[in-house]
């Protein structure tokens, strides 16, 4: 939608065909980058024509089953070392996870990298720690009470979002029920 607004803004000063060609080039570049980013998140170095379908089905599954994206992709980044339990445990209906994991394992058959190398690369693009709204809310409340230490600690954790930081494991936990639909504004 923002691109359409940009195009409408440019129409008075540019040729309409040039604007359309520019939008089309952007769309192609965006889609190509999206596909590559998602292949990286899934650890897929070899291109396969079925990748887009797998990616879109993955997002549909995660959305439909209310699965935390960050926890899912990070769990996938440790599949060989930690097994499928961290992924399966994200689903109420584990058979959904099992079906997806079977499909994923079949797709990995065409990959040439060793499992540990693939997962090492995946951990570089799938963060363990993200700024979740409920974490931001907690540190805002503490700061309002004059305690800035929780904020400083959270900022330190977020400086290395891809690293294992066992002493800060609590920051990688799924949001509590009260924090799942929390929205923090920019002015907070």
C-alpha atoms as a PDB file:
ATOM      1  CA  UNK A   1       0.000   0.000   0.000  1.00  0.00           C
ATOM      2  CA  UNK A   2       2.819   2.432   0.799  1.00  0.00           C
ATOM      3  CA  UNK A   3       4.284   1.802  -2.660  1.00  0.00           C
ATOM      4  CA  UNK A   4       0.952   2.752  -4.219  1.00  0.00           C
ATOM      5  CA  UNK A   5       0.994   6.033  -2.275  1.00  0.00           C
ATOM      6  CA  UNK A   6       4.530   6.674  -3.478  1.00  0.00           C
ATOM      7  CA  UNK A   7       3.507   5.925  -7.066  1.00  0.00           C
ATOM      8  CA  UNK A   8       0.542   8.312  -6.835  1.00  0.00           C
ATOM      9  CA  UNK A   9       2.850  10.999  -5.481  1.00  0.00           C
ATOM     10  CA  UNK A  10       5.298  10.501  -8.362  1.00  0.00           C
ATOM     11  CA  UNK A  11       2.703  10.526 -11.157  1.00  0.00           C
ATOM     12  CA  UNK A  12       2.564  14.325 -11.523  1.00  0.00           C
ATOM     13  CA  UNK A  13       6.330  14.512 -12.119  1.00  0.00           C
ATOM     14  CA  UNK A  14       7.047  11.186 -13.866  1.00  0.00           C
ATOM     15  CA  UNK A  15       5.772   9.261 -16.821  1.00  0.00           C
ATOM     16  CA  UNK A  16       3.086   6.757 -15.774  1.00  0.00           C
ATOM     17  CA  UNK A  17       4.779   3.884 -17.635  1.00  0.00           C
ATOM     18  CA  UNK A  18       8.064   4.597 -15.846  1.00  0.00           C
ATOM     19  CA  UNK A  19       6.294   4.541 -12.492  1.00  0.00           C
ATOM     20  CA  UNK A  20       4.611   1.222 -13.343  1.00  0.00           C
ATOM     21  CA  UNK A  21       7.924  -0.300 -14.489  1.00  0.00           C
ATOM     22  CA  UNK A  22       9.581   0.923 -11.295  1.00  0.00           C
ATOM     23  CA  UNK A  23       6.870  -0.623  -9.143  1.00  0.00           C
ATOM     24  CA  UNK A  24       7.146  -3.891 -11.054  1.00  0.00           C
ATOM     25  CA  UNK A  25      10.940  -3.994 -10.621  1.00  0.00           C
ATOM     26  CA  UNK A  26      10.514  -3.286  -6.915  1.00  0.00           C
ATOM     27  CA  UNK A  27       7.927  -6.053  -6.595  1.00  0.00           C
ATOM     28  CA  UNK A  28      10.213  -8.562  -8.312  1.00  0.00           C
ATOM     29  CA  UNK A  29      13.219  -7.553  -6.185  1.00  0.00           C
ATOM     30  CA  UNK A  30      11.146  -7.664  -3.005  1.00  0.00           C
ATOM     31  CA  UNK A  31       9.744 -11.113  -3.774  1.00  0.00           C
ATOM     32  CA  UNK A  32      13.190 -12.458  -4.639  1.00  0.00           C
ATOM     33  CA  UNK A  33      14.681 -11.082  -1.410  1.00  0.00           C
ATOM     34  CA  UNK A  34      11.767 -12.407   0.640  1.00  0.00           C
ATOM     35  CA  UNK A  35      12.224 -15.868  -0.848  1.00  0.00           C
ATOM     36  CA  UNK A  36      15.966 -15.820  -0.123  1.00  0.00           C
ATOM     37  CA  UNK A  37      15.470 -14.544   3.433  1.00  0.00           C
ATOM     38  CA  UNK A  38      12.993 -17.319   4.120  1.00  0.00           C
ATOM     39  CA  UNK A  39      15.262 -19.959   2.586  1.00  0.00           C
ATOM     40  CA  UNK A  40      17.964 -18.712   4.952  1.00  0.00           C
ATOM     41  CA  UNK A  41      15.611 -18.951   7.946  1.00  0.00           C
ATOM     42  CA  UNK A  42      14.724 -22.520   6.948  1.00  0.00           C
ATOM     43  CA  UNK A  43      18.345 -23.435   6.181  1.00  0.00           C
ATOM     44  CA  UNK A  44      17.749 -24.071   2.497  1.00  0.00           C
ATOM     45  CA  UNK A  45      20.844 -23.321   0.435  1.00  0.00           C
ATOM     46  CA  UNK A  46      19.759 -25.229  -2.663  1.00  0.00           C
ATOM     47  CA  UNK A  47      16.914 -23.606  -4.558  1.00  0.00           C
ATOM     48  CA  UNK A  48      13.896 -25.792  -5.212  1.00  0.00           C
ATOM     49  CA  UNK A  49      10.717 -24.894  -7.047  1.00  0.00           C
ATOM     50  CA  UNK A  50       8.673 -26.118  -4.082  1.00  0.00           C
ATOM     51  CA  UNK A  51      10.293 -23.661  -1.657  1.00  0.00           C
ATOM     52  CA  UNK A  52       7.718 -20.900  -2.033  1.00  0.00           C
ATOM     53  CA  UNK A  53       4.924 -23.345  -1.328  1.00  0.00           C
ATOM     54  CA  UNK A  54       6.730 -24.657   1.762  1.00  0.00           C
ATOM     55  CA  UNK A  55       7.357 -21.117   2.994  1.00  0.00           C
ATOM     56  CA  UNK A  56       3.797 -19.917   2.507  1.00  0.00           C
ATOM     57  CA  UNK A  57       2.385 -23.104   4.046  1.00  0.00           C
ATOM     58  CA  UNK A  58       4.709 -22.609   7.012  1.00  0.00           C
ATOM     59  CA  UNK A  59       3.413 -19.095   7.636  1.00  0.00           C
ATOM     60  CA  UNK A  60      -0.185 -20.256   7.241  1.00  0.00           C
ATOM     61  CA  UNK A  61       0.412 -23.062   9.724  1.00  0.00           C
ATOM     62  CA  UNK A  62       2.108 -20.803  12.268  1.00  0.00           C
ATOM     63  CA  UNK A  63      -0.671 -18.240  11.998  1.00  0.00           C
ATOM     64  CA  UNK A  64      -3.526 -20.737  12.108  1.00  0.00           C
ATOM     65  CA  UNK A  65      -2.122 -22.564  15.127  1.00  0.00           C
ATOM     66  CA  UNK A  66      -0.991 -19.387  16.956  1.00  0.00           C
ATOM     67  CA  UNK A  67       2.636 -20.516  17.073  1.00  0.00           C
ATOM     68  CA  UNK A  68       5.310 -18.003  18.045  1.00  0.00           C
ATOM     69  CA  UNK A  69       7.417 -17.358  14.928  1.00  0.00           C
ATOM     70  CA  UNK A  70      10.613 -16.548  16.809  1.00  0.00           C
ATOM     71  CA  UNK A  71      10.456 -19.690  18.945  1.00  0.00           C
ATOM     72  CA  UNK A  72       9.569 -21.831  15.925  1.00  0.00           C
ATOM     73  CA  UNK A  73      12.430 -20.674  13.713  1.00  0.00           C
ATOM     74  CA  UNK A  74      14.946 -20.743  16.557  1.00  0.00           C
ATOM     75  CA  UNK A  75      13.804 -24.266  17.456  1.00  0.00           C
ATOM     76  CA  UNK A  76      14.279 -25.269  13.843  1.00  0.00           C
ATOM     77  CA  UNK A  77      17.824 -23.879  14.066  1.00  0.00           C
ATOM     78  CA  UNK A  78      18.604 -26.485  16.732  1.00  0.00           C
ATOM     79  CA  UNK A  79      16.658 -29.423  15.346  1.00  0.00           C
ATOM     80  CA  UNK A  80      19.618 -31.800  15.110  1.00  0.00           C
ATOM     81  CA  UNK A  81      21.048 -31.044  18.550  1.00  0.00           C
ATOM     82  CA  UNK A  82      17.808 -30.637  20.528  1.00  0.00           C
ATOM     83  CA  UNK A  83      15.389 -32.763  18.530  1.00  0.00           C
ATOM     84  CA  UNK A  84      11.850 -31.951  17.483  1.00  0.00           C
ATOM     85  CA  UNK A  85      10.381 -31.507  20.988  1.00  0.00           C
ATOM     86  CA  UNK A  86      11.018 -27.730  21.192  1.00  0.00           C
ATOM     87  CA  UNK A  87       9.091 -27.326  17.941  1.00  0.00           C
ATOM     88  CA  UNK A  88       6.366 -29.866  18.669  1.00  0.00           C
ATOM     89  CA  UNK A  89       5.760 -28.329  22.104  1.00  0.00           C
ATOM     90  CA  UNK A  90       4.745 -25.049  20.434  1.00  0.00           C
ATOM     91  CA  UNK A  91       1.669 -26.751  18.962  1.00  0.00           C
ATOM     92  CA  UNK A  92      -1.490 -27.805  20.759  1.00  0.00           C
ATOM     93  CA  UNK A  93      -2.008 -30.386  18.006  1.00  0.00           C
ATOM     94  CA  UNK A  94       1.404 -31.991  17.677  1.00  0.00           C
ATOM     95  CA  UNK A  95       0.324 -33.956  14.610  1.00  0.00           C
ATOM     96  CA  UNK A  96       0.380 -30.656  12.688  1.00  0.00           C
ATOM     97  CA  UNK A  97       4.003 -30.154  13.703  1.00  0.00           C
ATOM     98  CA  UNK A  98       4.831 -33.772  12.867  1.00  0.00           C
ATOM     99  CA  UNK A  99       3.369 -33.437   9.360  1.00  0.00           C
ATOM    100  CA  UNK A 100       5.249 -30.213   8.739  1.00  0.00           C
ATOM    101  CA  UNK A 101       8.510 -31.635  10.117  1.00  0.00           C
ATOM    102  CA  UNK A 102       8.169 -34.661   7.850  1.00  0.00           C
ATOM    103  CA  UNK A 103       7.721 -32.379   4.844  1.00  0.00           C
ATOM    104  CA  UNK A 104      10.685 -30.284   5.969  1.00  0.00           C
ATOM    105  CA  UNK A 105      12.897 -33.352   6.429  1.00  0.00           C
ATOM    106  CA  UNK A 106      11.968 -34.480   2.904  1.00  0.00           C
ATOM    107  CA  UNK A 107      12.939 -31.066   1.569  1.00  0.00           C
ATOM    108  CA  UNK A 108      16.270 -31.259   3.410  1.00  0.00           C
ATOM    109  CA  UNK A 109      17.114 -34.422   1.461  1.00  0.00           C
ATOM    110  CA  UNK A 110      18.166 -32.222  -1.471  1.00  0.00           C
ATOM    111  CA  UNK A 111      20.497 -30.112   0.687  1.00  0.00           C
ATOM    112  CA  UNK A 112      24.227 -30.757   0.524  1.00  0.00           C
ATOM    113  CA  UNK A 113      25.420 -29.031   3.700  1.00  0.00           C
ATOM    114  CA  UNK A 114      25.970 -30.991   6.872  1.00  0.00           C
ATOM    115  CA  UNK A 115      23.229 -30.586   9.498  1.00  0.00           C
ATOM    116  CA  UNK A 116      25.493 -28.762  11.945  1.00  0.00           C
ATOM    117  CA  UNK A 117      26.687 -26.278   9.297  1.00  0.00           C
ATOM    118  CA  UNK A 118      23.112 -25.629   8.123  1.00  0.00           C
ATOM    119  CA  UNK A 119      21.862 -25.044  11.663  1.00  0.00           C
ATOM    120  CA  UNK A 120      24.857 -22.864  12.525  1.00  0.00           C
ATOM    121  CA  UNK A 121      23.951 -20.621   9.570  1.00  0.00           C
ATOM    122  CA  UNK A 122      20.277 -20.672  10.587  1.00  0.00           C
ATOM    123  CA  UNK A 123      21.132 -19.451  14.086  1.00  0.00           C
ATOM    124  CA  UNK A 124      22.769 -16.418  12.469  1.00  0.00           C
ATOM    125  CA  UNK A 125      19.431 -15.340  10.954  1.00  0.00           C
ATOM    126  CA  UNK A 126      16.925 -16.671  13.505  1.00  0.00           C
ATOM    127  CA  UNK A 127      17.252 -14.619  16.690  1.00  0.00           C
ATOM    128  CA  UNK A 128      16.745 -16.141  20.091  1.00  0.00           C
ATOM    129  CA  UNK A 129      16.012 -12.800  21.728  1.00  0.00           C
ATOM    130  CA  UNK A 130      13.656 -10.151  20.373  1.00  0.00           C
ATOM    131  CA  UNK A 131      12.093  -7.079  21.938  1.00  0.00           C
ATOM    132  CA  UNK A 132       8.657  -8.369  22.832  1.00  0.00           C
ATOM    133  CA  UNK A 133       5.947  -5.905  23.796  1.00  0.00           C
ATOM    134  CA  UNK A 134       5.530  -7.375  27.254  1.00  0.00           C
ATOM    135  CA  UNK A 135       9.275  -7.048  27.940  1.00  0.00           C
ATOM    136  CA  UNK A 136       9.161  -3.427  26.827  1.00  0.00           C
ATOM    137  CA  UNK A 137       6.143  -2.837  29.064  1.00  0.00           C
ATOM    138  CA  UNK A 138       7.926  -4.353  32.055  1.00  0.00           C
ATOM    139  CA  UNK A 139      11.027  -2.200  31.679  1.00  0.00           C
ATOM    140  CA  UNK A 140       8.896   0.901  31.060  1.00  0.00           C
ATOM    141  CA  UNK A 141       7.047   0.303  34.328  1.00  0.00           C
ATOM    142  CA  UNK A 142      10.323  -0.256  36.185  1.00  0.00           C
ATOM    143  CA  UNK A 143      11.827   2.889  34.666  1.00  0.00           C
ATOM    144  CA  UNK A 144       8.753   4.893  35.659  1.00  0.00           C
ATOM    145  CA  UNK A 145       9.455   3.743  39.207  1.00  0.00           C
ATOM    146  CA  UNK A 146      13.062   4.909  38.913  1.00  0.00           C
ATOM    147  CA  UNK A 147      14.680   1.473  38.368  1.00  0.00           C
ATOM    148  CA  UNK A 148      16.620   1.488  35.102  1.00  0.00           C
ATOM    149  CA  UNK A 149      18.564  -1.732  35.723  1.00  0.00           C
ATOM    150  CA  UNK A 150      15.981  -4.022  34.025  1.00  0.00           C
ATOM    151  CA  UNK A 151      16.110  -1.789  30.950  1.00  0.00           C
ATOM    152  CA  UNK A 152      19.902  -1.859  30.885  1.00  0.00           C
ATOM    153  CA  UNK A 153      19.909  -5.642  31.229  1.00  0.00           C
ATOM    154  CA  UNK A 154      17.360  -6.085  28.435  1.00  0.00           C
ATOM    155  CA  UNK A 155      19.368  -3.778  26.168  1.00  0.00           C
ATOM    156  CA  UNK A 156      22.498  -5.852  26.844  1.00  0.00           C
ATOM    157  CA  UNK A 157      20.655  -9.051  25.902  1.00  0.00           C
ATOM    158  CA  UNK A 158      19.307  -7.484  22.719  1.00  0.00           C
ATOM    159  CA  UNK A 159      22.792  -6.437  21.615  1.00  0.00           C
ATOM    160  CA  UNK A 160      23.451 -10.135  20.870  1.00  0.00           C
ATOM    161  CA  UNK A 161      20.063 -11.491  19.774  1.00  0.00           C
ATOM    162  CA  UNK A 162      21.515 -14.518  17.979  1.00  0.00           C
ATOM    163  CA  UNK A 163      23.837 -15.657  20.757  1.00  0.00           C
ATOM    164  CA  UNK A 164      23.066 -18.217  23.420  1.00  0.00           C
ATOM    165  CA  UNK A 165      22.977 -16.341  26.707  1.00  0.00           C
ATOM    166  CA  UNK A 166      22.052 -18.949  29.323  1.00  0.00           C
ATOM    167  CA  UNK A 167      22.017 -16.400  32.134  1.00  0.00           C
ATOM    168  CA  UNK A 168      19.236 -14.520  30.303  1.00  0.00           C
ATOM    169  CA  UNK A 169      17.077 -17.462  29.275  1.00  0.00           C
ATOM    170  CA  UNK A 170      13.972 -15.743  30.709  1.00  0.00           C
ATOM    171  CA  UNK A 171      14.125 -13.197  27.869  1.00  0.00           C
ATOM    172  CA  UNK A 172      13.610 -15.921  25.266  1.00  0.00           C
ATOM    173  CA  UNK A 173      10.467 -17.310  26.894  1.00  0.00           C
ATOM    174  CA  UNK A 174       7.125 -17.059  25.143  1.00  0.00           C
ATOM    175  CA  UNK A 175       4.977 -14.144  26.219  1.00  0.00           C
ATOM    176  CA  UNK A 176       2.752 -14.748  29.239  1.00  0.00           C
ATOM    177  CA  UNK A 177      -0.991 -14.758  28.591  1.00  0.00           C
ATOM    178  CA  UNK A 178      -1.330 -11.170  29.804  1.00  0.00           C
ATOM    179  CA  UNK A 179       1.349 -10.030  27.337  1.00  0.00           C
ATOM    180  CA  UNK A 180       0.280 -11.857  24.162  1.00  0.00           C
ATOM    181  CA  UNK A 181      -1.878  -9.051  22.794  1.00  0.00           C
ATOM    182  CA  UNK A 182      -0.138  -6.126  24.431  1.00  0.00           C
ATOM    183  CA  UNK A 183       0.546  -3.182  22.168  1.00  0.00           C
ATOM    184  CA  UNK A 184       3.198  -0.616  22.963  1.00  0.00           C
ATOM    185  CA  UNK A 185       3.099   2.769  21.245  1.00  0.00           C
ATOM    186  CA  UNK A 186       6.127   4.683  20.027  1.00  0.00           C
ATOM    187  CA  UNK A 187       5.468   7.311  22.676  1.00  0.00           C
ATOM    188  CA  UNK A 188       5.739   4.842  25.565  1.00  0.00           C
END
